[in-house]
Amino acid sequence: MDDLDARLLVTMRAHPRVGLTELARLLGVARGTVQARVDKLTARGVIQDFGPTVSPAQAGHPILAFVWLQIAQGRLAEAVESLRAVPQILEAHGTSGQHDLLCRVVATSTDHLQEIIAHILTSPAVQRTDSTIALSTQIPYRIEPLLQAR
């Protein structure tokens, strides 16, 4: 990834609804160059989607929690498959250390969060959970500083 790719990505994030012609104008390059770069970045998996960023809180799920899971040995695939069935689990990451998975979970209320955790624990592959509720978001997801640090 070169400087133009980084500038393209930063510009796309800053202006998510802009077309290729306007991107080309903002970057000072030909439209064909922008199209080729977008196609290349998409094919390489750098650009993963073009959808809107949705706020779970504004969509009715204001509780954000991070739930650590300990998984029964050899049963990770089974645990992940059961987690896929829970729509409130937005992400699950395999981790090193004391816990095996870290899940980003949203809920409509703390009671709802408790129900979600109870449901997670119904899987025989999940041995234990440890949860933390986020009180606020100090730094939301961002990629621009990483791209600009090149």
C-alpha atoms as a PDB file:
ATOM      1  CA  MET A   1       0.000   0.000   0.000  1.00  0.00           C
ATOM      2  CA  ASP A   2       1.453   3.338  -1.025  1.00  0.00           C
ATOM      3  CA  ASP A   3       0.696   6.958  -0.158  1.00  0.00           C
ATOM      4  CA  LEU A   4      -2.050   7.274  -2.802  1.00  0.00           C
ATOM      5  CA  ASP A   5      -3.806   4.179  -1.449  1.00  0.00           C
ATOM      6  CA  ALA A   6      -3.670   5.638   2.072  1.00  0.00           C
ATOM      7  CA  ARG A   7      -4.984   9.030   0.894  1.00  0.00           C
ATOM      8  CA  LEU A   8      -7.732   7.280  -1.061  1.00  0.00           C
ATOM      9  CA  LEU A   9      -8.857   5.303   1.987  1.00  0.00           C
ATOM     10  CA  VAL A  10      -8.795   8.350   4.273  1.00  0.00           C
ATOM     11  CA  THR A  11     -10.805  10.326   1.713  1.00  0.00           C
ATOM     12  CA  MET A  12     -13.329   7.496   1.287  1.00  0.00           C
ATOM     13  CA  ARG A  13     -13.802   7.349   5.060  1.00  0.00           C
ATOM     14  CA  ALA A  14     -14.198  11.128   5.297  1.00  0.00           C
ATOM     15  CA  HIS A  15     -16.673  11.217   2.361  1.00  0.00           C
ATOM     16  CA  PRO A  16     -18.414   7.814   2.352  1.00  0.00           C
ATOM     17  CA  ARG A  17     -21.147   8.801  -0.104  1.00  0.00           C
ATOM     18  CA  VAL A  18     -18.907  10.395  -2.728  1.00  0.00           C
ATOM     19  CA  GLY A  19     -18.554   8.830  -6.184  1.00  0.00           C
ATOM     20  CA  LEU A  20     -15.388   7.818  -7.985  1.00  0.00           C
ATOM     21  CA  THR A  21     -15.301  10.960 -10.113  1.00  0.00           C
ATOM     22  CA  GLU A  22     -15.422  13.192  -7.045  1.00  0.00           C
ATOM     23  CA  LEU A  23     -12.809  11.031  -5.281  1.00  0.00           C
ATOM     24  CA  ALA A  24     -10.549  11.508  -8.296  1.00  0.00           C
ATOM     25  CA  ARG A  25     -11.067  15.285  -8.142  1.00  0.00           C
ATOM     26  CA  LEU A  26     -10.374  15.396  -4.383  1.00  0.00           C
ATOM     27  CA  LEU A  27      -7.183  13.368  -4.840  1.00  0.00           C
ATOM     28  CA  GLY A  28      -6.045  15.099  -8.022  1.00  0.00           C
ATOM     29  CA  VAL A  29      -5.805  11.885 -10.061  1.00  0.00           C
ATOM     30  CA  ALA A  30      -7.694  10.325 -12.975  1.00  0.00           C
ATOM     31  CA  ARG A  31     -11.000   8.547 -12.367  1.00  0.00           C
ATOM     32  CA  GLY A  32      -9.535   5.374 -13.920  1.00  0.00           C
ATOM     33  CA  THR A  33      -6.709   5.485 -11.362  1.00  0.00           C
ATOM     34  CA  VAL A  34      -9.217   5.684  -8.508  1.00  0.00           C
ATOM     35  CA  GLN A  35     -11.270   2.815  -9.964  1.00  0.00           C
ATOM     36  CA  ALA A  36      -8.175   0.640 -10.377  1.00  0.00           C
ATOM     37  CA  ARG A  37      -6.992   1.403  -6.843  1.00  0.00           C
ATOM     38  CA  VAL A  38     -10.423   0.698  -5.312  1.00  0.00           C
ATOM     39  CA  ASP A  39     -10.655  -2.581  -7.253  1.00  0.00           C
ATOM     40  CA  LYS A  40      -7.136  -3.598  -6.143  1.00  0.00           C
ATOM     41  CA  LEU A  41      -7.777  -2.698  -2.487  1.00  0.00           C
ATOM     42  CA  THR A  42     -11.087  -4.560  -2.545  1.00  0.00           C
ATOM     43  CA  ALA A  43      -9.545  -7.677  -4.135  1.00  0.00           C
ATOM     44  CA  ARG A  44      -6.761  -7.685  -1.502  1.00  0.00           C
ATOM     45  CA  GLY A  45      -9.322  -7.425   1.318  1.00  0.00           C
ATOM     46  CA  VAL A  46      -8.101  -4.003   2.471  1.00  0.00           C
ATOM     47  CA  ILE A  47     -11.544  -2.543   1.696  1.00  0.00           C
ATOM     48  CA  GLN A  48     -13.976  -4.942   3.304  1.00  0.00           C
ATOM     49  CA  ASP A  49     -17.317  -3.277   2.634  1.00  0.00           C
ATOM     50  CA  PHE A  50     -19.076  -0.210   1.344  1.00  0.00           C
ATOM     51  CA  GLY A  51     -22.032  -0.281   3.729  1.00  0.00           C
ATOM     52  CA  PRO A  52     -23.046   2.349   6.238  1.00  0.00           C
ATOM     53  CA  THR A  53     -21.620   2.320   9.733  1.00  0.00           C
ATOM     54  CA  VAL A  54     -24.545   1.510  12.028  1.00  0.00           C
ATOM     55  CA  SER A  55     -24.712   2.580  15.669  1.00  0.00           C
ATOM     56  CA  PRO A  56     -26.054  -0.329  17.748  1.00  0.00           C
ATOM     57  CA  ALA A  57     -26.996   2.144  20.497  1.00  0.00           C
ATOM     58  CA  GLN A  58     -29.069   4.265  18.121  1.00  0.00           C
ATOM     59  CA  ALA A  59     -30.565   1.084  16.650  1.00  0.00           C
ATOM     60  CA  GLY A  60     -32.000   0.093  20.051  1.00  0.00           C
ATOM     61  CA  HIS A  61     -29.090  -1.690  21.759  1.00  0.00           C
ATOM     62  CA  PRO A  62     -27.495   0.917  24.060  1.00  0.00           C
ATOM     63  CA  ILE A  63     -25.621  -1.544  26.304  1.00  0.00           C
ATOM     64  CA  LEU A  64     -22.142  -2.493  25.076  1.00  0.00           C
ATOM     65  CA  ALA A  65     -20.251  -5.213  26.903  1.00  0.00           C
ATOM     66  CA  PHE A  66     -17.052  -7.138  26.391  1.00  0.00           C
ATOM     67  CA  VAL A  67     -17.473 -10.772  27.370  1.00  0.00           C
ATOM     68  CA  TRP A  68     -14.482 -13.039  27.858  1.00  0.00           C
ATOM     69  CA  LEU A  69     -15.108 -16.757  27.403  1.00  0.00           C
ATOM     70  CA  GLN A  70     -13.210 -19.794  28.541  1.00  0.00           C
ATOM     71  CA  ILE A  71     -13.810 -22.695  26.184  1.00  0.00           C
ATOM     72  CA  ALA A  72     -13.644 -26.414  26.935  1.00  0.00           C
ATOM     73  CA  GLN A  73     -10.452 -27.843  25.475  1.00  0.00           C
ATOM     74  CA  GLY A  74     -10.839 -28.885  21.854  1.00  0.00           C
ATOM     75  CA  ARG A  75     -14.314 -27.360  21.522  1.00  0.00           C
ATOM     76  CA  LEU A  76     -13.544 -23.930  20.045  1.00  0.00           C
ATOM     77  CA  ALA A  77     -15.336 -24.597  16.731  1.00  0.00           C
ATOM     78  CA  GLU A  78     -18.444 -25.779  18.592  1.00  0.00           C
ATOM     79  CA  ALA A  79     -18.397 -22.698  20.816  1.00  0.00           C
ATOM     80  CA  VAL A  80     -17.991 -20.329  17.856  1.00  0.00           C
ATOM     81  CA  GLU A  81     -20.838 -22.033  16.004  1.00  0.00           C
ATOM     82  CA  SER A  82     -23.181 -21.522  18.965  1.00  0.00           C
ATOM     83  CA  LEU A  83     -22.078 -17.876  19.268  1.00  0.00           C
ATOM     84  CA  ARG A  84     -22.901 -17.253  15.589  1.00  0.00           C
ATOM     85  CA  ALA A  85     -26.557 -17.913  16.446  1.00  0.00           C
ATOM     86  CA  VAL A  86     -26.642 -14.956  18.875  1.00  0.00           C
ATOM     87  CA  PRO A  87     -27.333 -11.777  16.864  1.00  0.00           C
ATOM     88  CA  GLN A  88     -26.228  -9.506  19.719  1.00  0.00           C
ATOM     89  CA  ILE A  89     -22.664 -10.845  19.461  1.00  0.00           C
ATOM     90  CA  LEU A  90     -21.122  -8.394  17.015  1.00  0.00           C
ATOM     91  CA  GLU A  91     -17.587  -9.798  17.091  1.00  0.00           C
ATOM     92  CA  ALA A  92     -15.663 -12.685  18.616  1.00  0.00           C
ATOM     93  CA  HIS A  93     -11.870 -12.796  18.671  1.00  0.00           C
ATOM     94  CA  GLY A  94      -9.626 -15.692  19.634  1.00  0.00           C
ATOM     95  CA  THR A  95      -7.175 -14.544  22.291  1.00  0.00           C
ATOM     96  CA  SER A  96      -4.089 -15.705  24.115  1.00  0.00           C
ATOM     97  CA  GLY A  97      -3.846 -15.801  27.876  1.00  0.00           C
ATOM     98  CA  GLN A  98      -6.371 -16.802  30.513  1.00  0.00           C
ATOM     99  CA  HIS A  99      -9.428 -16.571  28.225  1.00  0.00           C
ATOM    100  CA  ASP A 100     -10.029 -18.105  24.819  1.00  0.00           C
ATOM    101  CA  LEU A 101     -12.455 -15.673  23.182  1.00  0.00           C
ATOM    102  CA  LEU A 102     -13.353 -12.014  23.547  1.00  0.00           C
ATOM    103  CA  CYS A 103     -16.841 -11.078  22.358  1.00  0.00           C
ATOM    104  CA  ARG A 104     -18.262  -7.636  21.708  1.00  0.00           C
ATOM    105  CA  VAL A 105     -21.909  -7.875  22.761  1.00  0.00           C
ATOM    106  CA  VAL A 106     -24.773  -5.378  22.630  1.00  0.00           C
ATOM    107  CA  ALA A 107     -28.055  -5.496  24.531  1.00  0.00           C
ATOM    108  CA  THR A 108     -31.216  -3.497  25.056  1.00  0.00           C
ATOM    109  CA  SER A 109     -30.751  -3.440  28.849  1.00  0.00           C
ATOM    110  CA  THR A 110     -28.641  -5.005  31.581  1.00  0.00           C
ATOM    111  CA  ASP A 111     -31.381  -7.606  32.088  1.00  0.00           C
ATOM    112  CA  HIS A 112     -31.154  -8.425  28.388  1.00  0.00           C
ATOM    113  CA  LEU A 113     -27.368  -8.703  28.679  1.00  0.00           C
ATOM    114  CA  GLN A 114     -27.806 -11.151  31.533  1.00  0.00           C
ATOM    115  CA  GLU A 115     -30.141 -13.232  29.330  1.00  0.00           C
ATOM    116  CA  ILE A 116     -27.591 -13.222  26.505  1.00  0.00           C
ATOM    117  CA  ILE A 117     -24.815 -14.373  28.836  1.00  0.00           C
ATOM    118  CA  ALA A 118     -27.072 -17.082  30.274  1.00  0.00           C
ATOM    119  CA  HIS A 119     -27.783 -18.241  26.723  1.00  0.00           C
ATOM    120  CA  ILE A 120     -24.060 -18.297  25.887  1.00  0.00           C
ATOM    121  CA  LEU A 121     -23.486 -20.500  28.929  1.00  0.00           C
ATOM    122  CA  THR A 122     -26.022 -23.070  27.678  1.00  0.00           C
ATOM    123  CA  SER A 123     -23.393 -24.265  25.210  1.00  0.00           C
ATOM    124  CA  PRO A 124     -21.456 -27.170  26.719  1.00  0.00           C
ATOM    125  CA  ALA A 125     -18.386 -25.805  24.912  1.00  0.00           C
ATOM    126  CA  VAL A 126     -18.416 -22.617  27.031  1.00  0.00           C
ATOM    127  CA  GLN A 127     -17.104 -23.166  30.557  1.00  0.00           C
ATOM    128  CA  ARG A 128     -17.076 -19.646  31.988  1.00  0.00           C
ATOM    129  CA  THR A 129     -17.710 -16.010  31.094  1.00  0.00           C
ATOM    130  CA  ASP A 130     -16.354 -12.762  32.508  1.00  0.00           C
ATOM    131  CA  SER A 131     -18.133  -9.564  31.457  1.00  0.00           C
ATOM    132  CA  THR A 132     -17.372  -5.860  31.494  1.00  0.00           C
ATOM    133  CA  ILE A 133     -19.941  -3.227  30.544  1.00  0.00           C
ATOM    134  CA  ALA A 134     -18.588  -0.225  28.662  1.00  0.00           C
ATOM    135  CA  LEU A 135     -19.671   3.008  30.340  1.00  0.00           C
ATOM    136  CA  SER A 136     -18.541   5.235  27.482  1.00  0.00           C
ATOM    137  CA  THR A 137     -16.531   5.151  24.280  1.00  0.00           C
ATOM    138  CA  GLN A 138     -13.465   7.338  24.614  1.00  0.00           C
ATOM    139  CA  ILE A 139     -11.930   6.483  21.231  1.00  0.00           C
ATOM    140  CA  PRO A 140     -14.356   4.976  18.709  1.00  0.00           C
ATOM    141  CA  TYR A 141     -13.131   2.635  15.996  1.00  0.00           C
ATOM    142  CA  ARG A 142     -10.756   4.523  13.780  1.00  0.00           C
ATOM    143  CA  ILE A 143      -8.330   3.677  11.015  1.00  0.00           C
ATOM    144  CA  GLU A 144      -7.319   7.090   9.685  1.00  0.00           C
ATOM    145  CA  PRO A 145      -4.421   7.697  12.138  1.00  0.00           C
ATOM    146  CA  LEU A 146      -2.918   4.334  11.191  1.00  0.00           C
ATOM    147  CA  LEU A 147      -3.206   5.125   7.485  1.00  0.00           C
ATOM    148  CA  GLN A 148      -1.792   8.619   7.943  1.00  0.00           C
ATOM    149  CA  ALA A 149       1.160   7.351  10.037  1.00  0.00           C
ATOM    150  CA  ARG A 150       2.721   5.711   6.973  1.00  0.00           C
END
